[in-house]
Amino acid sequence: MTSESQEHGAARRPVEDEVDVVAEETQKPAKGGKNEKKGSFWKELPVLIVVALVLALIIKTFVVQAFYIPSESMENTLLKNDRVLVNKLVYHTRDIERGDVVVFSGVDSWDGEFQLEEPSNPVAAFFRWVGTAFGIVPGEKDYIKRVIGIGGDHVKCCDPKGRITVNNTPIDEESYLYPGNVPSDRFFDITVAPGRLWVMGDHRSVSLDSRSHTGDAGGGSIPVGQVIGRAFVIVWPFNRAGSIDIPDTFAQPALQALGGAVPMVAGFGLAVPLVLVRRRWLLRRR
């Protein structure tokens, strides 16, 4: 024997065979790894879905919620079937302002502007609840309106030019009022109680708003505590996406003459008697 392999008593395998063996050995583990990854993904998918739903519900409950527009009462600012996002945190940092478009709950107060059929079974009820939570279907007792008057405001319709006045100051509603509508087709004269809001739809001829509930407790106004949040942007359909801003007419300084001063006036009203009582108490001690 003259070769090294022959010296060790073993025949050397052809190079082609070695390449095939190496390729086969490297391919088999890779194939098994893919199967393991696929199996792992399908096992983890339900967990990922549950986590995503939980996080979405937390955000919906405390931060931002999507709402479905079910009626024509806010046209043309909001159209039927629009989806809007509602900021639930904003009123923890500032008060509700005139001109805000707010979503509020009408549970135990206003009747619905539309009626939904009750789900026929628990499964349908669950999916309706999920759809409502994520703004896919409307909530029967949720409303969306524009704030016209806040606590302490004197809201009246109408002045000689047919305009609504707030604290004797007329507001120009042309920028958001539905074309062809008048500010109101019925008379009202109300001073909004503290902690309540006078709200109206932009499509006045079809909106069942505060004017339609003047015989209810609060004279048609709604409690501030029922407000869910401020609608600040349209997200669907995409061709209508945009912010929902407060019209310039609500920035008039004259509007603040009464409504904005109510907390300050109330504060002075409570402070004066307390100061007088304290002074008398100190004089008696002398």
Protein backbone atom coordinates (compact mmCIF):
# COMPACT_ATOMS: atom_id res chain seq x y z
CA MET A 1 0.00 0.00 0.00
CA THR A 2 1.28 3.37 -0.96
CA SER A 3 -1.54 5.78 0.04
CA GLU A 4 -2.22 7.10 3.55
CA SER A 5 -5.67 5.50 3.62
CA GLN A 6 -4.26 2.19 2.67
CA GLU A 7 -1.66 2.48 5.38
CA HIS A 8 -4.47 2.77 7.96
CA GLY A 9 -6.44 -0.04 6.40
CA ALA A 10 -9.47 2.04 5.23
CA ALA A 11 -10.61 3.03 1.75
CA ARG A 12 -11.19 6.78 1.26
CA ARG A 13 -14.78 7.81 0.25
CA PRO A 14 -15.26 9.87 -2.91
CA VAL A 15 -15.54 13.64 -2.43
CA GLU A 16 -19.03 13.67 -3.99
CA ASP A 17 -20.29 11.30 -1.29
CA GLU A 18 -18.95 13.57 1.45
CA VAL A 19 -20.75 16.57 -0.02
CA ASP A 20 -24.04 14.66 -0.17
CA VAL A 21 -23.71 13.50 3.41
CA VAL A 22 -22.97 17.01 4.67
CA ALA A 23 -25.90 18.47 2.75
CA GLU A 24 -28.26 15.83 4.08
CA GLU A 25 -27.11 16.35 7.65
CA THR A 26 -27.53 20.11 7.49
CA GLN A 27 -30.94 20.00 5.81
CA LYS A 28 -32.67 17.66 8.25
CA PRO A 29 -32.29 19.80 11.37
CA ALA A 30 -33.34 22.91 9.42
CA LYS A 31 -36.56 21.22 8.31
CA GLY A 32 -37.35 20.16 11.84
CA GLY A 33 -36.61 23.69 13.12
CA LYS A 34 -39.19 25.21 10.76
CA ASN A 35 -41.85 22.83 11.98
CA GLU A 36 -41.02 23.66 15.55
CA LYS A 37 -41.28 27.38 14.83
CA LYS A 38 -44.64 26.93 13.13
CA GLY A 39 -45.94 24.91 16.02
CA SER A 40 -44.67 27.44 18.51
CA PHE A 41 -46.30 30.32 16.61
CA TRP A 42 -49.74 28.68 16.58
CA LYS A 43 -49.43 27.88 20.28
CA GLU A 44 -48.53 31.49 21.09
CA LEU A 45 -51.12 33.09 18.80
CA PRO A 46 -54.07 32.78 21.25
CA VAL A 47 -51.94 34.32 24.00
CA LEU A 48 -50.95 37.20 21.72
CA ILE A 49 -54.59 37.81 20.79
CA VAL A 50 -55.69 37.83 24.43
CA VAL A 51 -52.87 40.21 25.42
CA ALA A 52 -53.70 42.52 22.50
CA LEU A 53 -57.38 42.57 23.48
CA VAL A 54 -56.58 43.28 27.12
CA LEU A 55 -54.24 46.14 26.21
CA ALA A 56 -56.78 47.53 23.75
CA LEU A 57 -59.51 47.43 26.40
CA ILE A 58 -57.28 49.19 28.92
CA ILE A 59 -56.54 51.95 26.38
CA LYS A 60 -60.23 52.13 25.46
CA THR A 61 -61.30 52.38 29.10
CA PHE A 62 -58.85 55.03 30.26
CA VAL A 63 -57.24 56.83 27.30
CA VAL A 64 -58.82 56.81 23.83
CA GLN A 65 -61.90 55.08 22.46
CA ALA A 66 -63.26 54.74 18.94
CA PHE A 67 -66.92 55.60 18.39
CA TYR A 68 -69.26 54.86 15.52
CA ILE A 69 -71.55 57.65 14.28
CA PRO A 70 -75.00 56.06 13.90
CA SER A 71 -77.18 59.00 12.81
CA GLU A 72 -77.30 62.22 10.79
CA SER A 73 -77.61 64.49 13.84
CA MET A 74 -74.07 65.93 13.54
CA GLU A 75 -73.92 66.42 9.77
CA ASN A 76 -71.96 67.79 8.04
CA THR A 77 -69.31 67.87 10.75
CA LEU A 78 -69.74 64.12 11.20
CA LEU A 79 -71.49 61.85 8.73
CA LYS A 80 -73.37 58.65 9.42
CA ASN A 81 -70.97 55.67 9.62
CA ASP A 82 -67.95 57.88 10.42
CA ARG A 83 -65.59 56.64 13.12
CA VAL A 84 -64.09 59.12 15.55
CA LEU A 85 -61.56 58.88 18.34
CA VAL A 86 -62.58 60.22 21.74
CA ASN A 87 -60.02 61.54 24.21
CA LYS A 88 -60.94 60.36 27.72
CA LEU A 89 -58.08 62.12 29.50
CA VAL A 90 -58.53 65.69 28.29
CA TYR A 91 -61.15 66.64 30.89
CA HIS A 92 -58.83 65.56 33.67
CA THR A 93 -56.55 68.41 32.63
CA ARG A 94 -59.06 71.08 31.57
CA ASP A 95 -62.77 71.86 31.84
CA ILE A 96 -65.27 71.14 29.10
CA GLU A 97 -65.44 74.14 26.78
CA ARG A 98 -68.17 75.61 24.62
CA GLY A 99 -67.82 74.29 21.10
CA ASP A 100 -66.38 70.92 22.14
CA VAL A 101 -67.91 67.89 20.41
CA VAL A 102 -68.46 65.42 23.23
CA VAL A 103 -69.62 61.83 23.55
CA PHE A 104 -71.79 61.17 26.59
CA SER A 105 -73.91 58.41 28.03
CA GLY A 106 -77.68 58.75 28.04
CA VAL A 107 -78.26 55.78 30.34
CA ASP A 108 -81.28 56.36 32.60
CA SER A 109 -81.96 59.73 30.95
CA TRP A 110 -82.41 60.32 27.22
CA ASP A 111 -84.15 57.84 24.96
CA GLY A 112 -82.05 56.56 22.08
CA GLU A 113 -82.10 58.36 18.73
CA PHE A 114 -82.11 54.92 17.14
CA GLN A 115 -83.06 51.45 18.32
CA LEU A 116 -80.93 48.30 18.15
CA GLU A 117 -82.35 44.81 18.31
CA GLU A 118 -81.32 42.85 21.37
CA PRO A 119 -78.80 40.04 20.62
CA SER A 120 -80.51 36.68 20.18
CA ASN A 121 -77.91 34.69 22.14
CA PRO A 122 -74.90 35.15 24.47
CA VAL A 123 -72.39 34.74 21.62
CA ALA A 124 -74.03 37.51 19.60
CA ALA A 125 -74.18 39.68 22.73
CA PHE A 126 -70.45 39.18 23.29
CA PHE A 127 -69.52 40.15 19.73
CA ARG A 128 -71.79 43.19 19.91
CA TRP A 129 -70.09 44.24 23.14
CA VAL A 130 -66.65 43.87 21.49
CA GLY A 131 -67.86 45.79 18.43
CA THR A 132 -69.19 48.61 20.59
CA ALA A 133 -65.98 48.74 22.63
CA PHE A 134 -63.86 49.19 19.50
CA GLY A 135 -66.17 51.52 17.59
CA ILE A 136 -67.26 48.95 15.02
CA VAL A 137 -70.95 49.14 15.95
CA PRO A 138 -72.82 51.97 17.74
CA GLY A 139 -73.72 52.01 21.40
CA GLU A 140 -77.46 52.51 21.79
CA LYS A 141 -77.14 54.87 24.76
CA ASP A 142 -74.12 56.88 23.62
CA TYR A 143 -74.65 60.31 22.11
CA ILE A 144 -72.41 62.80 20.34
CA LYS A 145 -73.30 66.51 20.37
CA ARG A 146 -71.71 69.94 20.43
CA VAL A 147 -71.52 71.85 23.72
CA ILE A 148 -73.27 75.20 23.36
CA GLY A 149 -73.54 76.21 27.01
CA ILE A 150 -71.71 75.24 30.20
CA GLY A 151 -72.74 75.62 33.84
CA GLY A 152 -73.91 79.17 34.59
CA ASP A 153 -74.49 80.15 30.95
CA HIS A 154 -77.70 81.81 29.82
CA VAL A 155 -78.55 80.15 26.50
CA LYS A 156 -81.41 81.55 24.45
CA CYS A 157 -83.01 81.28 21.05
CA CYS A 158 -83.22 83.47 19.31
CA ASP A 159 -82.17 87.09 18.84
CA PRO A 160 -83.82 89.33 16.18
CA LYS A 161 -81.46 87.90 13.55
CA GLY A 162 -82.37 84.32 14.41
CA ARG A 163 -79.08 83.55 16.19
CA ILE A 164 -78.61 81.61 19.42
CA THR A 165 -77.15 83.76 22.17
CA VAL A 166 -74.92 82.67 25.03
CA ASN A 167 -74.75 85.17 27.88
CA ASN A 168 -76.47 87.69 25.56
CA THR A 169 -73.72 87.25 22.97
CA PRO A 170 -74.79 85.85 19.57
CA ILE A 171 -72.75 82.95 18.19
CA ASP A 172 -72.03 82.58 14.48
CA GLU A 173 -72.74 78.94 13.59
CA GLU A 174 -72.40 79.17 9.83
CA SER A 175 -69.11 77.22 9.77
CA TYR A 176 -70.63 74.04 11.21
CA LEU A 177 -74.42 74.29 10.94
CA TYR A 178 -75.99 71.94 8.39
CA PRO A 179 -76.66 73.83 5.13
CA GLY A 180 -80.22 75.18 5.00
CA ASN A 181 -80.83 74.71 8.74
CA VAL A 182 -81.68 77.58 11.07
CA PRO A 183 -79.99 77.65 14.50
CA SER A 184 -83.24 76.44 16.05
CA ASP A 185 -86.82 75.97 14.93
CA ARG A 186 -88.10 76.22 18.50
CA PHE A 187 -87.80 78.81 21.24
CA PHE A 188 -85.85 78.13 24.44
CA ASP A 189 -84.49 80.24 27.24
CA ILE A 190 -82.45 78.45 29.89
CA THR A 191 -79.77 79.13 32.45
CA VAL A 192 -77.61 76.03 32.59
CA ALA A 193 -77.21 74.70 36.13
CA PRO A 194 -73.69 74.24 37.53
CA GLY A 195 -72.26 70.86 36.63
CA ARG A 196 -74.45 70.52 33.54
CA LEU A 197 -74.18 71.22 29.78
CA TRP A 198 -76.53 72.41 27.04
CA VAL A 199 -75.75 70.35 23.93
CA MET A 200 -77.02 70.47 20.35
CA GLY A 201 -76.44 68.60 17.12
CA ASP A 202 -75.07 70.44 14.08
CA HIS A 203 -77.92 69.09 11.92
CA ARG A 204 -80.56 70.93 13.91
CA SER A 205 -83.63 69.81 11.95
CA VAL A 206 -83.08 66.12 12.80
CA SER A 207 -81.15 66.27 16.08
CA LEU A 208 -82.89 65.13 19.26
CA ASP A 209 -80.72 67.27 21.51
CA SER A 210 -81.22 69.39 24.63
CA ARG A 211 -84.17 71.17 22.99
CA SER A 212 -86.06 67.87 22.84
CA HIS A 213 -85.59 67.19 26.56
CA THR A 214 -86.62 70.47 28.17
CA GLY A 215 -89.30 68.59 30.11
CA ASP A 216 -86.73 66.24 31.65
CA ALA A 217 -84.82 66.78 34.88
CA GLY A 218 -82.23 69.48 34.23
CA GLY A 219 -84.39 71.20 31.62
CA GLY A 220 -82.68 69.41 28.74
CA SER A 221 -79.12 69.85 29.97
CA ILE A 222 -76.91 66.83 30.67
CA PRO A 223 -74.69 66.11 33.70
CA VAL A 224 -70.98 66.73 33.21
CA GLY A 225 -70.38 63.37 34.89
CA GLN A 226 -72.06 61.58 31.97
CA VAL A 227 -69.47 62.87 29.48
CA ILE A 228 -67.19 60.10 28.22
CA GLY A 229 -64.73 62.34 26.42
CA ARG A 230 -64.06 64.79 23.58
CA ALA A 231 -64.21 63.67 19.95
CA PHE A 232 -61.03 65.11 18.46
CA VAL A 233 -60.40 63.35 15.14
CA ILE A 234 -62.20 61.46 12.36
CA VAL A 235 -60.31 58.27 11.52
CA TRP A 236 -62.68 56.57 9.08
CA PRO A 237 -63.28 56.77 6.19
CA PHE A 238 -59.74 57.77 5.25
CA ASN A 239 -60.88 60.39 2.76
CA ARG A 240 -62.57 62.27 5.62
CA ALA A 241 -59.80 61.90 8.18
CA GLY A 242 -59.08 65.11 10.06
CA SER A 243 -59.27 66.93 13.36
CA ILE A 244 -62.49 68.17 14.99
CA ASP A 245 -61.70 71.70 16.13
CA ILE A 246 -63.58 74.24 18.24
CA PRO A 247 -65.12 76.94 15.98
CA ASP A 248 -63.72 80.44 16.35
CA THR A 249 -67.06 81.91 17.43
CA PHE A 250 -66.71 80.24 20.83
CA ALA A 251 -63.50 82.19 21.48
CA GLN A 252 -65.40 85.47 21.89
CA PRO A 253 -64.35 87.09 25.20
CA ALA A 254 -67.93 88.18 25.87
CA LEU A 255 -69.00 84.54 26.24
CA GLN A 256 -66.86 84.26 29.34
CA ALA A 257 -68.66 87.12 31.08
CA LEU A 258 -70.90 84.88 33.14
CA GLY A 259 -70.23 81.21 32.60
CA GLY A 260 -66.50 81.36 33.11
CA ALA A 261 -66.88 83.56 36.19
CA VAL A 262 -69.30 81.26 38.02
CA PRO A 263 -66.63 79.37 40.00
CA MET A 264 -64.99 82.63 41.04
CA VAL A 265 -68.30 84.23 42.04
CA ALA A 266 -69.27 81.12 43.98
CA GLY A 267 -65.90 81.14 45.71
CA PHE A 268 -66.32 84.74 46.84
CA GLY A 269 -69.90 84.00 47.86
CA LEU A 270 -68.71 81.29 50.23
CA ALA A 271 -65.62 83.14 51.41
CA VAL A 272 -67.38 86.33 52.60
CA PRO A 273 -69.63 84.62 55.20
CA LEU A 274 -66.69 82.58 56.47
CA VAL A 275 -64.61 85.72 56.96
CA LEU A 276 -67.45 87.45 58.81
CA VAL A 277 -68.02 84.45 61.09
CA ARG A 278 -64.31 84.26 61.87
CA ARG A 279 -64.18 87.97 62.68
CA ARG A 280 -67.12 87.72 65.10
CA TRP A 281 -65.56 84.70 66.76
CA LEU A 282 -62.28 86.58 67.30
CA LEU A 283 -64.14 89.61 68.74
CA ARG A 284 -65.98 87.39 71.21
CA ARG A 285 -62.74 85.87 72.39
CA ARG A 286 -61.45 89.32 73.28
